[in-house]
Amino acid sequence: MLKSLLRTWVRGSVLRKGASGQSTFWAVVGAISVLRTLHRRYGGRQPVTLMRSKIRPGEVIEVKYTGEPSSDLRKERAKRAELVNVYNSTPDGRKGRKLRKQFANTVVAEDARSKQ
């Protein structure tokens, strides 16, 4: 919350003092923030090709590493890991059979088998 308040104050100062020409300092801060935004949007890091394999003449599959996984992917992986732990720790009996039947032939069951 403090970060957003600080950001709001800086933007307000840039607009109030820098854009109106009252302060050269705030005009420079505004220019730097605009350049930073443009660099992030258009001039960021280029993905590195890790593997390239031809399937047929003219067809190519490329696998690229773009950095950190997205937050959605991290959440999905954490949820899957939690399901694998539940799957592996279920006791025998009706509930365990029901859970194993529910996850049969899924990625969770495959992950659970690989961890055993």
PDB file of N, CA and C in Angstrom:
ATOM      1  N   MET A   1       0.815  -1.175   0.000  1.00  0.00           N
ATOM      2  CA  MET A   1       0.000   0.000   0.000  1.00  0.00           C
ATOM      3  C   MET A   1       0.872   1.256   0.000  1.00  0.00           C
ATOM      4  N   LEU A   2       1.946   1.202   0.748  1.00  0.00           N
ATOM      5  CA  LEU A   2       2.850   2.341   0.792  1.00  0.00           C
ATOM      6  C   LEU A   2       3.473   2.601  -0.578  1.00  0.00           C
ATOM      7  N   LYS A   3       3.773   1.509  -1.289  1.00  0.00           N
ATOM      8  CA  LYS A   3       4.351   1.632  -2.613  1.00  0.00           C
ATOM      9  C   LYS A   3       3.388   2.335  -3.570  1.00  0.00           C
ATOM     10  N   SER A   4       2.106   1.976  -3.498  1.00  0.00           N
ATOM     11  CA  SER A   4       1.129   2.612  -4.387  1.00  0.00           C
ATOM     12  C   SER A   4       0.924   4.082  -4.023  1.00  0.00           C
ATOM     13  N   LEU A   5       0.973   4.400  -2.730  1.00  0.00           N
ATOM     14  CA  LEU A   5       0.853   5.808  -2.328  1.00  0.00           C
ATOM     15  C   LEU A   5       2.049   6.622  -2.823  1.00  0.00           C
ATOM     16  N   LEU A   6       3.233   6.053  -2.711  1.00  0.00           N
ATOM     17  CA  LEU A   6       4.434   6.735  -3.185  1.00  0.00           C
ATOM     18  C   LEU A   6       4.371   6.937  -4.699  1.00  0.00           C
ATOM     19  N   ARG A   7       3.942   5.898  -5.419  1.00  0.00           N
ATOM     20  CA  ARG A   7       3.820   5.991  -6.870  1.00  0.00           C
ATOM     21  C   ARG A   7       2.809   7.070  -7.262  1.00  0.00           C
ATOM     22  N   THR A   8       1.687   7.147  -6.552  1.00  0.00           N
ATOM     23  CA  THR A   8       0.673   8.164  -6.825  1.00  0.00           C
ATOM     24  C   THR A   8       1.225   9.559  -6.569  1.00  0.00           C
ATOM     25  N   TRP A   9       1.973   9.727  -5.499  1.00  0.00           N
ATOM     26  CA  TRP A   9       2.558  11.028  -5.170  1.00  0.00           C
ATOM     27  C   TRP A   9       3.561  11.462  -6.241  1.00  0.00           C
ATOM     28  N   VAL A  10       4.412  10.500  -6.692  1.00  0.00           N
ATOM     29  CA  VAL A  10       5.408  10.829  -7.716  1.00  0.00           C
ATOM     30  C   VAL A  10       4.715  11.210  -9.021  1.00  0.00           C
ATOM     31  N   ARG A  11       3.709  10.442  -9.425  1.00  0.00           N
ATOM     32  CA  ARG A  11       2.990  10.766 -10.663  1.00  0.00           C
ATOM     33  C   ARG A  11       2.311  12.124 -10.571  1.00  0.00           C
ATOM     34  N   GLY A  12       1.717  12.401  -9.428  1.00  0.00           N
ATOM     35  CA  GLY A  12       1.078  13.706  -9.235  1.00  0.00           C
ATOM     36  C   GLY A  12       2.075  14.840  -9.316  1.00  0.00           C
ATOM     37  N   SER A  13       3.245  14.641  -8.701  1.00  0.00           N
ATOM     38  CA  SER A  13       4.280  15.670  -8.739  1.00  0.00           C
ATOM     39  C   SER A  13       4.801  15.876 -10.150  1.00  0.00           C
ATOM     40  N   VAL A  14       4.956  14.773 -10.888  1.00  0.00           N
ATOM     41  CA  VAL A  14       5.429  14.881 -12.267  1.00  0.00           C
ATOM     42  C   VAL A  14       4.417  15.673 -13.091  1.00  0.00           C
ATOM     43  N   LEU A  15       3.142  15.351 -12.934  1.00  0.00           N
ATOM     44  CA  LEU A  15       2.119  16.054 -13.714  1.00  0.00           C
ATOM     45  C   LEU A  15       1.973  17.506 -13.274  1.00  0.00           C
ATOM     46  N   ARG A  16       1.966  17.738 -11.966  1.00  0.00           N
ATOM     47  CA  ARG A  16       1.736  19.082 -11.437  1.00  0.00           C
ATOM     48  C   ARG A  16       2.925  20.013 -11.671  1.00  0.00           C
ATOM     49  N   LYS A  17       4.117  19.514 -11.362  1.00  0.00           N
ATOM     50  CA  LYS A  17       5.297  20.384 -11.405  1.00  0.00           C
ATOM     51  C   LYS A  17       6.125  20.210 -12.676  1.00  0.00           C
ATOM     52  N   GLY A  18       6.267  18.967 -13.134  1.00  0.00           N
ATOM     53  CA  GLY A  18       7.133  18.718 -14.286  1.00  0.00           C
ATOM     54  C   GLY A  18       6.480  19.066 -15.608  1.00  0.00           C
ATOM     55  N   ALA A  19       5.247  18.638 -15.808  1.00  0.00           N
ATOM     56  CA  ALA A  19       4.579  18.893 -17.081  1.00  0.00           C
ATOM     57  C   ALA A  19       4.239  20.369 -17.253  1.00  0.00           C
ATOM     58  N   SER A  20       4.008  21.059 -16.151  1.00  0.00           N
ATOM     59  CA  SER A  20       3.669  22.482 -16.257  1.00  0.00           C
ATOM     60  C   SER A  20       4.906  23.356 -16.410  1.00  0.00           C
ATOM     61  N   GLY A  21       6.096  22.796 -16.207  1.00  0.00           N
ATOM     62  CA  GLY A  21       7.328  23.545 -16.397  1.00  0.00           C
ATOM     63  C   GLY A  21       7.830  24.249 -15.151  1.00  0.00           C
ATOM     64  N   GLN A  22       7.243  23.967 -13.996  1.00  0.00           N
ATOM     65  CA  GLN A  22       7.676  24.612 -12.750  1.00  0.00           C
ATOM     66  C   GLN A  22       8.998  24.046 -12.250  1.00  0.00           C
ATOM     67  N   SER A  23       9.247  22.763 -12.497  1.00  0.00           N
ATOM     68  CA  SER A  23      10.437  22.122 -11.944  1.00  0.00           C
ATOM     69  C   SER A  23      11.097  21.245 -13.006  1.00  0.00           C
ATOM     70  N   THR A  24      12.365  21.488 -13.257  1.00  0.00           N
ATOM     71  CA  THR A  24      13.122  20.682 -14.210  1.00  0.00           C
ATOM     72  C   THR A  24      13.336  19.268 -13.655  1.00  0.00           C
ATOM     73  N   PHE A  25      13.532  19.157 -12.355  1.00  0.00           N
ATOM     74  CA  PHE A  25      13.752  17.853 -11.724  1.00  0.00           C
ATOM     75  C   PHE A  25      12.579  16.915 -12.001  1.00  0.00           C
ATOM     76  N   TRP A  26      11.351  17.397 -11.775  1.00  0.00           N
ATOM     77  CA  TRP A  26      10.181  16.540 -11.967  1.00  0.00           C
ATOM     78  C   TRP A  26       9.942  16.240 -13.445  1.00  0.00           C
ATOM     79  N   ALA A  27      10.350  17.138 -14.328  1.00  0.00           N
ATOM     80  CA  ALA A  27      10.256  16.871 -15.768  1.00  0.00           C
ATOM     81  C   ALA A  27      11.205  15.738 -16.153  1.00  0.00           C
ATOM     82  N   VAL A  28      12.405  15.729 -15.580  1.00  0.00           N
ATOM     83  CA  VAL A  28      13.370  14.654 -15.846  1.00  0.00           C
ATOM     84  C   VAL A  28      12.856  13.334 -15.276  1.00  0.00           C
ATOM     85  N   VAL A  29      12.299  13.359 -14.063  1.00  0.00           N
ATOM     86  CA  VAL A  29      11.745  12.136 -13.464  1.00  0.00           C
ATOM     87  C   VAL A  29      10.626  11.586 -14.345  1.00  0.00           C
ATOM     88  N   GLY A  30       9.778  12.449 -14.863  1.00  0.00           N
ATOM     89  CA  GLY A  30       8.700  12.024 -15.752  1.00  0.00           C
ATOM     90  C   GLY A  30       9.227  11.424 -17.038  1.00  0.00           C
ATOM     91  N   ALA A  31      10.254  12.047 -17.619  1.00  0.00           N
ATOM     92  CA  ALA A  31      10.839  11.526 -18.850  1.00  0.00           C
ATOM     93  C   ALA A  31      11.472  10.155 -18.617  1.00  0.00           C
ATOM     94  N   ILE A  32      12.151   9.998 -17.490  1.00  0.00           N
ATOM     95  CA  ILE A  32      12.769   8.705 -17.171  1.00  0.00           C
ATOM     96  C   ILE A  32      11.698   7.625 -16.994  1.00  0.00           C
ATOM     97  N   SER A  33      10.603   7.958 -16.333  1.00  0.00           N
ATOM     98  CA  SER A  33       9.551   6.958 -16.120  1.00  0.00           C
ATOM     99  C   SER A  33       8.886   6.565 -17.437  1.00  0.00           C
ATOM    100  N   VAL A  34       8.712   7.530 -18.350  1.00  0.00           N
ATOM    101  CA  VAL A  34       8.131   7.206 -19.660  1.00  0.00           C
ATOM    102  C   VAL A  34       9.087   6.307 -20.452  1.00  0.00           C
ATOM    103  N   LEU A  35      10.374   6.639 -20.447  1.00  0.00           N
ATOM    104  CA  LEU A  35      11.352   5.813 -21.156  1.00  0.00           C
ATOM    105  C   LEU A  35      11.434   4.409 -20.572  1.00  0.00           C
ATOM    106  N   ARG A  36      11.356   4.313 -19.256  1.00  0.00           N
ATOM    107  CA  ARG A  36      11.392   3.001 -18.585  1.00  0.00           C
ATOM    108  C   ARG A  36      10.192   2.148 -18.992  1.00  0.00           C
ATOM    109  N   THR A  37       9.020   2.772 -19.043  1.00  0.00           N
ATOM    110  CA  THR A  37       7.808   2.056 -19.444  1.00  0.00           C
ATOM    111  C   THR A  37       7.913   1.579 -20.888  1.00  0.00           C
ATOM    112  N   LEU A  38       8.391   2.444 -21.771  1.00  0.00           N
ATOM    113  CA  LEU A  38       8.536   2.062 -23.172  1.00  0.00           C
ATOM    114  C   LEU A  38       9.549   0.937 -23.345  1.00  0.00           C
ATOM    115  N   HIS A  39      10.653   0.992 -22.583  1.00  0.00           N
ATOM    116  CA  HIS A  39      11.660  -0.072 -22.665  1.00  0.00           C
ATOM    117  C   HIS A  39      11.095  -1.406 -22.193  1.00  0.00           C
ATOM    118  N   ARG A  40      10.344  -1.390 -21.102  1.00  0.00           N
ATOM    119  CA  ARG A  40       9.741  -2.629 -20.600  1.00  0.00           C
ATOM    120  C   ARG A  40       8.760  -3.218 -21.608  1.00  0.00           C
ATOM    121  N   ARG A  41       7.998  -2.351 -22.244  1.00  0.00           N
ATOM    122  CA  ARG A  41       6.955  -2.823 -23.142  1.00  0.00           C
ATOM    123  C   ARG A  41       7.509  -3.306 -24.475  1.00  0.00           C
ATOM    124  N   TYR A  42       8.471  -2.576 -25.042  1.00  0.00           N
ATOM    125  CA  TYR A  42       8.916  -2.878 -26.402  1.00  0.00           C
ATOM    126  C   TYR A  42      10.359  -3.368 -26.511  1.00  0.00           C
ATOM    127  N   GLY A  43      11.201  -3.057 -25.568  1.00  0.00           N
ATOM    128  CA  GLY A  43      12.612  -3.398 -25.724  1.00  0.00           C
ATOM    129  C   GLY A  43      13.127  -4.345 -24.688  1.00  0.00           C
ATOM    130  N   GLY A  44      12.263  -5.164 -24.130  1.00  0.00           N
ATOM    131  CA  GLY A  44      12.670  -6.062 -23.055  1.00  0.00           C
ATOM    132  C   GLY A  44      13.590  -7.169 -23.528  1.00  0.00           C
ATOM    133  N   ARG A  45      13.842  -8.085 -22.628  1.00  0.00           N
ATOM    134  CA  ARG A  45      14.738  -9.198 -22.887  1.00  0.00           C
ATOM    135  C   ARG A  45      14.150 -10.116 -23.954  1.00  0.00           C
ATOM    136  N   GLN A  46      14.959 -10.526 -24.892  1.00  0.00           N
ATOM    137  CA  GLN A  46      14.517 -11.444 -25.937  1.00  0.00           C
ATOM    138  C   GLN A  46      14.643 -12.876 -25.426  1.00  0.00           C
ATOM    139  N   PRO A  47      13.665 -13.739 -25.720  1.00  0.00           N
ATOM    140  CA  PRO A  47      13.766 -15.129 -25.262  1.00  0.00           C
ATOM    141  C   PRO A  47      14.926 -15.855 -25.950  1.00  0.00           C
ATOM    142  N   VAL A  48      15.517 -16.787 -25.226  1.00  0.00           N
ATOM    143  CA  VAL A  48      16.659 -17.550 -25.726  1.00  0.00           C
ATOM    144  C   VAL A  48      16.156 -18.900 -26.221  1.00  0.00           C
ATOM    145  N   THR A  49      16.552 -19.289 -27.412  1.00  0.00           N
ATOM    146  CA  THR A  49      16.152 -20.588 -27.957  1.00  0.00           C
ATOM    147  C   THR A  49      16.972 -21.674 -27.282  1.00  0.00           C
ATOM    148  N   LEU A  50      16.287 -22.620 -26.640  1.00  0.00           N
ATOM    149  CA  LEU A  50      16.973 -23.700 -25.931  1.00  0.00           C
ATOM    150  C   LEU A  50      17.102 -24.956 -26.776  1.00  0.00           C
ATOM    151  N   MET A  51      16.089 -25.236 -27.598  1.00  0.00           N
ATOM    152  CA  MET A  51      16.105 -26.450 -28.392  1.00  0.00           C
ATOM    153  C   MET A  51      15.410 -26.168 -29.711  1.00  0.00           C
ATOM    154  N   ARG A  52      15.922 -26.737 -30.754  1.00  0.00           N
ATOM    155  CA  ARG A  52      15.293 -26.573 -32.045  1.00  0.00           C
ATOM    156  C   ARG A  52      15.401 -27.902 -32.766  1.00  0.00           C
ATOM    157  N   SER A  53      14.277 -28.396 -33.262  1.00  0.00           N
ATOM    158  CA  SER A  53      14.267 -29.708 -33.878  1.00  0.00           C
ATOM    159  C   SER A  53      13.379 -29.690 -35.109  1.00  0.00           C
ATOM    160  N   LYS A  54      13.873 -30.235 -36.205  1.00  0.00           N
ATOM    161  CA  LYS A  54      13.061 -30.309 -37.418  1.00  0.00           C
ATOM    162  C   LYS A  54      12.221 -31.573 -37.397  1.00  0.00           C
ATOM    163  N   ILE A  55      10.973 -31.447 -37.806  1.00  0.00           N
ATOM    164  CA  ILE A  55      10.081 -32.598 -37.882  1.00  0.00           C
ATOM    165  C   ILE A  55      10.030 -33.094 -39.320  1.00  0.00           C
ATOM    166  N   ARG A  56       9.640 -32.223 -40.218  1.00  0.00           N
ATOM    167  CA  ARG A  56       9.634 -32.484 -41.654  1.00  0.00           C
ATOM    168  C   ARG A  56      10.310 -31.296 -42.317  1.00  0.00           C
ATOM    169  N   PRO A  57      10.681 -31.446 -43.549  1.00  0.00           N
ATOM    170  CA  PRO A  57      11.276 -30.286 -44.218  1.00  0.00           C
ATOM    171  C   PRO A  57      10.331 -29.084 -44.177  1.00  0.00           C
ATOM    172  N   GLY A  58      10.832 -28.007 -43.620  1.00  0.00           N
ATOM    173  CA  GLY A  58      10.038 -26.784 -43.534  1.00  0.00           C
ATOM    174  C   GLY A  58       9.327 -26.596 -42.211  1.00  0.00           C
ATOM    175  N   GLU A  59       9.151 -27.630 -41.401  1.00  0.00           N
ATOM    176  CA  GLU A  59       8.481 -27.516 -40.107  1.00  0.00           C
ATOM    177  C   GLU A  59       9.510 -27.525 -38.990  1.00  0.00           C
ATOM    178  N   VAL A  60       9.328 -26.647 -38.008  1.00  0.00           N
ATOM    179  CA  VAL A  60      10.285 -26.518 -36.910  1.00  0.00           C
ATOM    180  C   VAL A  60       9.523 -26.347 -35.606  1.00  0.00           C
ATOM    181  N   ILE A  61       9.984 -26.998 -34.542  1.00  0.00           N
ATOM    182  CA  ILE A  61       9.461 -26.783 -33.187  1.00  0.00           C
ATOM    183  C   ILE A  61      10.555 -26.069 -32.409  1.00  0.00           C
ATOM    184  N   GLU A  62      10.202 -24.956 -31.763  1.00  0.00           N
ATOM    185  CA  GLU A  62      11.160 -24.226 -30.949  1.00  0.00           C
ATOM    186  C   GLU A  62      10.651 -24.165 -29.524  1.00  0.00           C
ATOM    187  N   VAL A  63      11.527 -24.458 -28.567  1.00  0.00           N
ATOM    188  CA  VAL A  63      11.211 -24.344 -27.153  1.00  0.00           C
ATOM    189  C   VAL A  63      12.014 -23.171 -26.624  1.00  0.00           C
ATOM    190  N   LYS A  64      11.324 -22.193 -26.028  1.00  0.00           N
ATOM    191  CA  LYS A  64      12.009 -20.992 -25.567  1.00  0.00           C
ATOM    192  C   LYS A  64      11.811 -20.807 -24.076  1.00  0.00           C
ATOM    193  N   TYR A  65      12.854 -20.359 -23.422  1.00  0.00           N
ATOM    194  CA  TYR A  65      12.802 -20.018 -22.006  1.00  0.00           C
ATOM    195  C   TYR A  65      12.667 -18.508 -21.902  1.00  0.00           C
ATOM    196  N   THR A  66      11.584 -18.046 -21.316  1.00  0.00           N
ATOM    197  CA  THR A  66      11.326 -16.610 -21.256  1.00  0.00           C
ATOM    198  C   THR A  66      11.557 -16.030 -19.874  1.00  0.00           C
ATOM    199  N   GLY A  67      12.077 -16.787 -18.959  1.00  0.00           N
ATOM    200  CA  GLY A  67      12.333 -16.275 -17.619  1.00  0.00           C
ATOM    201  C   GLY A  67      11.448 -16.947 -16.587  1.00  0.00           C
ATOM    202  N   GLU A  68      11.032 -16.190 -15.604  1.00  0.00           N
ATOM    203  CA  GLU A  68      10.192 -16.702 -14.527  1.00  0.00           C
ATOM    204  C   GLU A  68       8.830 -17.140 -15.057  1.00  0.00           C
ATOM    205  N   PRO A  69       8.285 -18.242 -14.529  1.00  0.00           N
ATOM    206  CA  PRO A  69       6.936 -18.624 -14.938  1.00  0.00           C
ATOM    207  C   PRO A  69       5.917 -17.624 -14.412  1.00  0.00           C
ATOM    208  N   SER A  70       4.790 -17.540 -15.085  1.00  0.00           N
ATOM    209  CA  SER A  70       3.757 -16.596 -14.668  1.00  0.00           C
ATOM    210  C   SER A  70       3.168 -17.020 -13.325  1.00  0.00           C
ATOM    211  N   SER A  71       2.494 -16.092 -12.674  1.00  0.00           N
ATOM    212  CA  SER A  71       1.902 -16.395 -11.374  1.00  0.00           C
ATOM    213  C   SER A  71       0.817 -17.456 -11.514  1.00  0.00           C
ATOM    214  N   ASP A  72       0.077 -17.449 -12.633  1.00  0.00           N
ATOM    215  CA  ASP A  72      -0.946 -18.477 -12.849  1.00  0.00           C
ATOM    216  C   ASP A  72      -0.321 -19.864 -12.938  1.00  0.00           C
ATOM    217  N   LEU A  73       0.806 -19.961 -13.638  1.00  0.00           N
ATOM    218  CA  LEU A  73       1.480 -21.247 -13.764  1.00  0.00           C
ATOM    219  C   LEU A  73       2.039 -21.704 -12.423  1.00  0.00           C
ATOM    220  N   ARG A  74       2.610 -20.763 -11.637  1.00  0.00           N
ATOM    221  CA  ARG A  74       3.106 -21.130 -10.304  1.00  0.00           C
ATOM    222  C   ARG A  74       1.976 -21.623  -9.417  1.00  0.00           C
ATOM    223  N   LYS A  75       0.813 -20.964  -9.479  1.00  0.00           N
ATOM    224  CA  LYS A  75      -0.341 -21.397  -8.679  1.00  0.00           C
ATOM    225  C   LYS A  75      -0.811 -22.783  -9.110  1.00  0.00           C
ATOM    226  N   GLU A  76      -0.847 -23.010 -10.433  1.00  0.00           N
ATOM    227  CA  GLU A  76      -1.280 -24.310 -10.944  1.00  0.00           C
ATOM    228  C   GLU A  76      -0.333 -25.414 -10.496  1.00  0.00           C
ATOM    229  N   ARG A  77       0.976 -25.137 -10.559  1.00  0.00           N
ATOM    230  CA  ARG A  77       1.957 -26.143 -10.125  1.00  0.00           C
ATOM    231  C   ARG A  77       1.836 -26.427  -8.636  1.00  0.00           C
ATOM    232  N   ALA A  78       1.621 -25.386  -7.828  1.00  0.00           N
ATOM    233  CA  ALA A  78       1.470 -25.580  -6.384  1.00  0.00           C
ATOM    234  C   ALA A  78       0.215 -26.387  -6.082  1.00  0.00           C
ATOM    235  N   LYS A  79      -0.858 -26.097  -6.801  1.00  0.00           N
ATOM    236  CA  LYS A  79      -2.110 -26.828  -6.592  1.00  0.00           C
ATOM    237  C   LYS A  79      -1.942 -28.301  -6.969  1.00  0.00           C
ATOM    238  N   ARG A  80      -1.228 -28.547  -8.087  1.00  0.00           N
ATOM    239  CA  ARG A  80      -0.999 -29.926  -8.516  1.00  0.00           C
ATOM    240  C   ARG A  80      -0.134 -30.664  -7.505  1.00  0.00           C
ATOM    241  N   ALA A  81       0.886 -29.990  -6.975  1.00  0.00           N
ATOM    242  CA  ALA A  81       1.755 -30.624  -5.976  1.00  0.00           C
ATOM    243  C   ALA A  81       0.959 -30.954  -4.713  1.00  0.00           C
ATOM    244  N   GLU A  82       0.051 -30.061  -4.340  1.00  0.00           N
ATOM    245  CA  GLU A  82      -0.789 -30.328  -3.174  1.00  0.00           C
ATOM    246  C   GLU A  82      -1.703 -31.533  -3.427  1.00  0.00           C
ATOM    247  N   LEU A  83      -2.276 -31.626  -4.628  1.00  0.00           N
ATOM    248  CA  LEU A  83      -3.122 -32.772  -4.963  1.00  0.00           C
ATOM    249  C   LEU A  83      -2.323 -34.066  -4.965  1.00  0.00           C
ATOM    250  N   VAL A  84      -1.086 -34.006  -5.441  1.00  0.00           N
ATOM    251  CA  VAL A  84      -0.233 -35.199  -5.438  1.00  0.00           C
ATOM    252  C   VAL A  84       0.031 -35.646  -4.008  1.00  0.00           C
ATOM    253  N   ASN A  85       0.292 -34.688  -3.111  1.00  0.00           N
ATOM    254  CA  ASN A  85       0.515 -35.044  -1.708  1.00  0.00           C
ATOM    255  C   ASN A  85      -0.733 -35.669  -1.095  1.00  0.00           C
ATOM    256  N   VAL A  86      -1.896 -35.116  -1.403  1.00  0.00           N
ATOM    257  CA  VAL A  86      -3.155 -35.679  -0.892  1.00  0.00           C
ATOM    258  C   VAL A  86      -3.364 -37.073  -1.466  1.00  0.00           C
ATOM    259  N   TYR A  87      -3.103 -37.218  -2.759  1.00  0.00           N
ATOM    260  CA  TYR A  87      -3.271 -38.508  -3.430  1.00  0.00           C
ATOM    261  C   TYR A  87      -2.378 -39.576  -2.800  1.00  0.00           C
ATOM    262  N   ASN A  88      -1.125 -39.194  -2.515  1.00  0.00           N
ATOM    263  CA  ASN A  88      -0.183 -40.161  -1.928  1.00  0.00           C
ATOM    264  C   ASN A  88      -0.479 -40.460  -0.465  1.00  0.00           C
ATOM    265  N   SER A  89      -1.105 -39.528   0.242  1.00  0.00           N
ATOM    266  CA  SER A  89      -1.317 -39.728   1.672  1.00  0.00           C
ATOM    267  C   SER A  89      -2.708 -40.248   2.013  1.00  0.00           C
ATOM    268  N   THR A  90      -3.532 -40.558   1.011  1.00  0.00           N
ATOM    269  CA  THR A  90      -4.873 -41.059   1.317  1.00  0.00           C
ATOM    270  C   THR A  90      -4.787 -42.467   1.872  1.00  0.00           C
ATOM    271  N   PRO A  91      -5.582 -42.723   2.895  1.00  0.00           N
ATOM    272  CA  PRO A  91      -5.584 -44.078   3.472  1.00  0.00           C
ATOM    273  C   PRO A  91      -6.367 -45.035   2.580  1.00  0.00           C
ATOM    274  N   ASP A  92      -6.154 -46.313   2.823  1.00  0.00           N
ATOM    275  CA  ASP A  92      -6.950 -47.301   2.106  1.00  0.00           C
ATOM    276  C   ASP A  92      -8.382 -47.212   2.603  1.00  0.00           C
ATOM    277  N   GLY A  93      -9.256 -47.741   1.854  1.00  0.00           N
ATOM    278  CA  GLY A  93     -10.656 -47.688   2.232  1.00  0.00           C
ATOM    279  C   GLY A  93     -11.470 -47.005   1.152  1.00  0.00           C
ATOM    280  N   ARG A  94     -12.723 -46.747   1.481  1.00  0.00           N
ATOM    281  CA  ARG A  94     -13.658 -46.208   0.495  1.00  0.00           C
ATOM    282  C   ARG A  94     -13.217 -44.842  -0.035  1.00  0.00           C
ATOM    283  N   LYS A  95     -12.817 -43.924   0.870  1.00  0.00           N
ATOM    284  CA  LYS A  95     -12.414 -42.579   0.437  1.00  0.00           C
ATOM    285  C   LYS A  95     -11.166 -42.632  -0.442  1.00  0.00           C
ATOM    286  N   GLY A  96     -10.208 -43.454  -0.073  1.00  0.00           N
ATOM    287  CA  GLY A  96      -8.985 -43.572  -0.857  1.00  0.00           C
ATOM    288  C   GLY A  96      -9.259 -44.135  -2.239  1.00  0.00           C
ATOM    289  N   ARG A  97     -10.107 -45.182  -2.319  1.00  0.00           N
ATOM    290  CA  ARG A  97     -10.458 -45.758  -3.624  1.00  0.00           C
ATOM    291  C   ARG A  97     -11.200 -44.746  -4.483  1.00  0.00           C
ATOM    292  N   LYS A  98     -12.093 -43.990  -3.861  1.00  0.00           N
ATOM    293  CA  LYS A  98     -12.870 -42.988  -4.587  1.00  0.00           C
ATOM    294  C   LYS A  98     -11.947 -41.896  -5.151  1.00  0.00           C
ATOM    295  N   LEU A  99     -10.997 -41.445  -4.344  1.00  0.00           N
ATOM    296  CA  LEU A  99     -10.065 -40.416  -4.791  1.00  0.00           C
ATOM    297  C   LEU A  99      -9.175 -40.938  -5.911  1.00  0.00           C
ATOM    298  N   ARG A 100      -8.668 -42.151  -5.756  1.00  0.00           N
ATOM    299  CA  ARG A 100      -7.805 -42.723  -6.797  1.00  0.00           C
ATOM    300  C   ARG A 100      -8.570 -42.920  -8.104  1.00  0.00           C
ATOM    301  N   LYS A 101      -9.849 -43.299  -7.999  1.00  0.00           N
ATOM    302  CA  LYS A 101     -10.679 -43.457  -9.192  1.00  0.00           C
ATOM    303  C   LYS A 101     -10.904 -42.103  -9.869  1.00  0.00           C
ATOM    304  N   GLN A 102     -11.089 -41.073  -9.068  1.00  0.00           N
ATOM    305  CA  GLN A 102     -11.324 -39.733  -9.604  1.00  0.00           C
ATOM    306  C   GLN A 102     -10.102 -39.224 -10.364  1.00  0.00           C
ATOM    307  N   PHE A 103      -8.898 -39.517  -9.867  1.00  0.00           N
ATOM    308  CA  PHE A 103      -7.684 -39.013 -10.485  1.00  0.00           C
ATOM    309  C   PHE A 103      -6.996 -40.029 -11.390  1.00  0.00           C
ATOM    310  N   ALA A 104      -7.623 -41.157 -11.653  1.00  0.00           N
ATOM    311  CA  ALA A 104      -7.021 -42.154 -12.529  1.00  0.00           C
ATOM    312  C   ALA A 104      -6.818 -41.566 -13.921  1.00  0.00           C
ATOM    313  N   ASN A 105      -5.696 -41.905 -14.544  1.00  0.00           N
ATOM    314  CA  ASN A 105      -5.345 -41.445 -15.891  1.00  0.00           C
ATOM    315  C   ASN A 105      -5.262 -39.927 -15.994  1.00  0.00           C
ATOM    316  N   THR A 106      -4.834 -39.256 -14.936  1.00  0.00           N
ATOM    317  CA  THR A 106      -4.634 -37.809 -14.972  1.00  0.00           C
ATOM    318  C   THR A 106      -3.172 -37.508 -14.682  1.00  0.00           C
ATOM    319  N   VAL A 107      -2.811 -36.252 -14.830  1.00  0.00           N
ATOM    320  CA  VAL A 107      -1.440 -35.818 -14.562  1.00  0.00           C
ATOM    321  C   VAL A 107      -1.104 -35.994 -13.089  1.00  0.00           C
ATOM    322  N   VAL A 108      -2.091 -35.791 -12.218  1.00  0.00           N
ATOM    323  CA  VAL A 108      -1.864 -35.937 -10.777  1.00  0.00           C
ATOM    324  C   VAL A 108      -1.459 -37.370 -10.451  1.00  0.00           C
ATOM    325  N   ALA A 109      -2.153 -38.346 -11.037  1.00  0.00           N
ATOM    326  CA  ALA A 109      -1.816 -39.749 -10.786  1.00  0.00           C
ATOM    327  C   ALA A 109      -0.429 -40.081 -11.329  1.00  0.00           C
ATOM    328  N   GLU A 110      -0.095 -39.549 -12.504  1.00  0.00           N
ATOM    329  CA  GLU A 110       1.236 -39.788 -13.070  1.00  0.00           C
ATOM    330  C   GLU A 110       2.323 -39.185 -12.197  1.00  0.00           C
ATOM    331  N   ASP A 111       2.084 -37.943 -11.713  1.00  0.00           N
ATOM    332  CA  ASP A 111       3.050 -37.313 -10.813  1.00  0.00           C
ATOM    333  C   ASP A 111       3.208 -38.097  -9.525  1.00  0.00           C
ATOM    334  N   ALA A 112       2.094 -38.607  -9.004  1.00  0.00           N
ATOM    335  CA  ALA A 112       2.137 -39.374  -7.754  1.00  0.00           C
ATOM    336  C   ALA A 112       2.932 -40.661  -7.948  1.00  0.00           C
ATOM    337  N   ARG A 113       2.724 -41.315  -9.092  1.00  0.00           N
ATOM    338  CA  ARG A 113       3.479 -42.544  -9.360  1.00  0.00           C
ATOM    339  C   ARG A 113       4.975 -42.258  -9.495  1.00  0.00           C
ATOM    340  N   SER A 114       5.308 -41.138 -10.117  1.00  0.00           N
ATOM    341  CA  SER A 114       6.724 -40.823 -10.303  1.00  0.00           C
ATOM    342  C   SER A 114       7.413 -40.457  -9.007  1.00  0.00           C
ATOM    343  N   LYS A 115       6.665 -39.935  -8.030  1.00  0.00           N
ATOM    344  CA  LYS A 115       7.263 -39.565  -6.739  1.00  0.00           C
ATOM    345  C   LYS A 115       7.453 -40.758  -5.826  1.00  0.00           C
ATOM    346  N   GLN A 116       6.740 -41.855  -6.112  1.00  0.00           N
ATOM    347  CA  GLN A 116       6.856 -43.028  -5.225  1.00  0.00           C
ATOM    348  C   GLN A 116       8.119 -43.785  -5.452  1.00  0.00           C
TER     349      GLN A 116
END
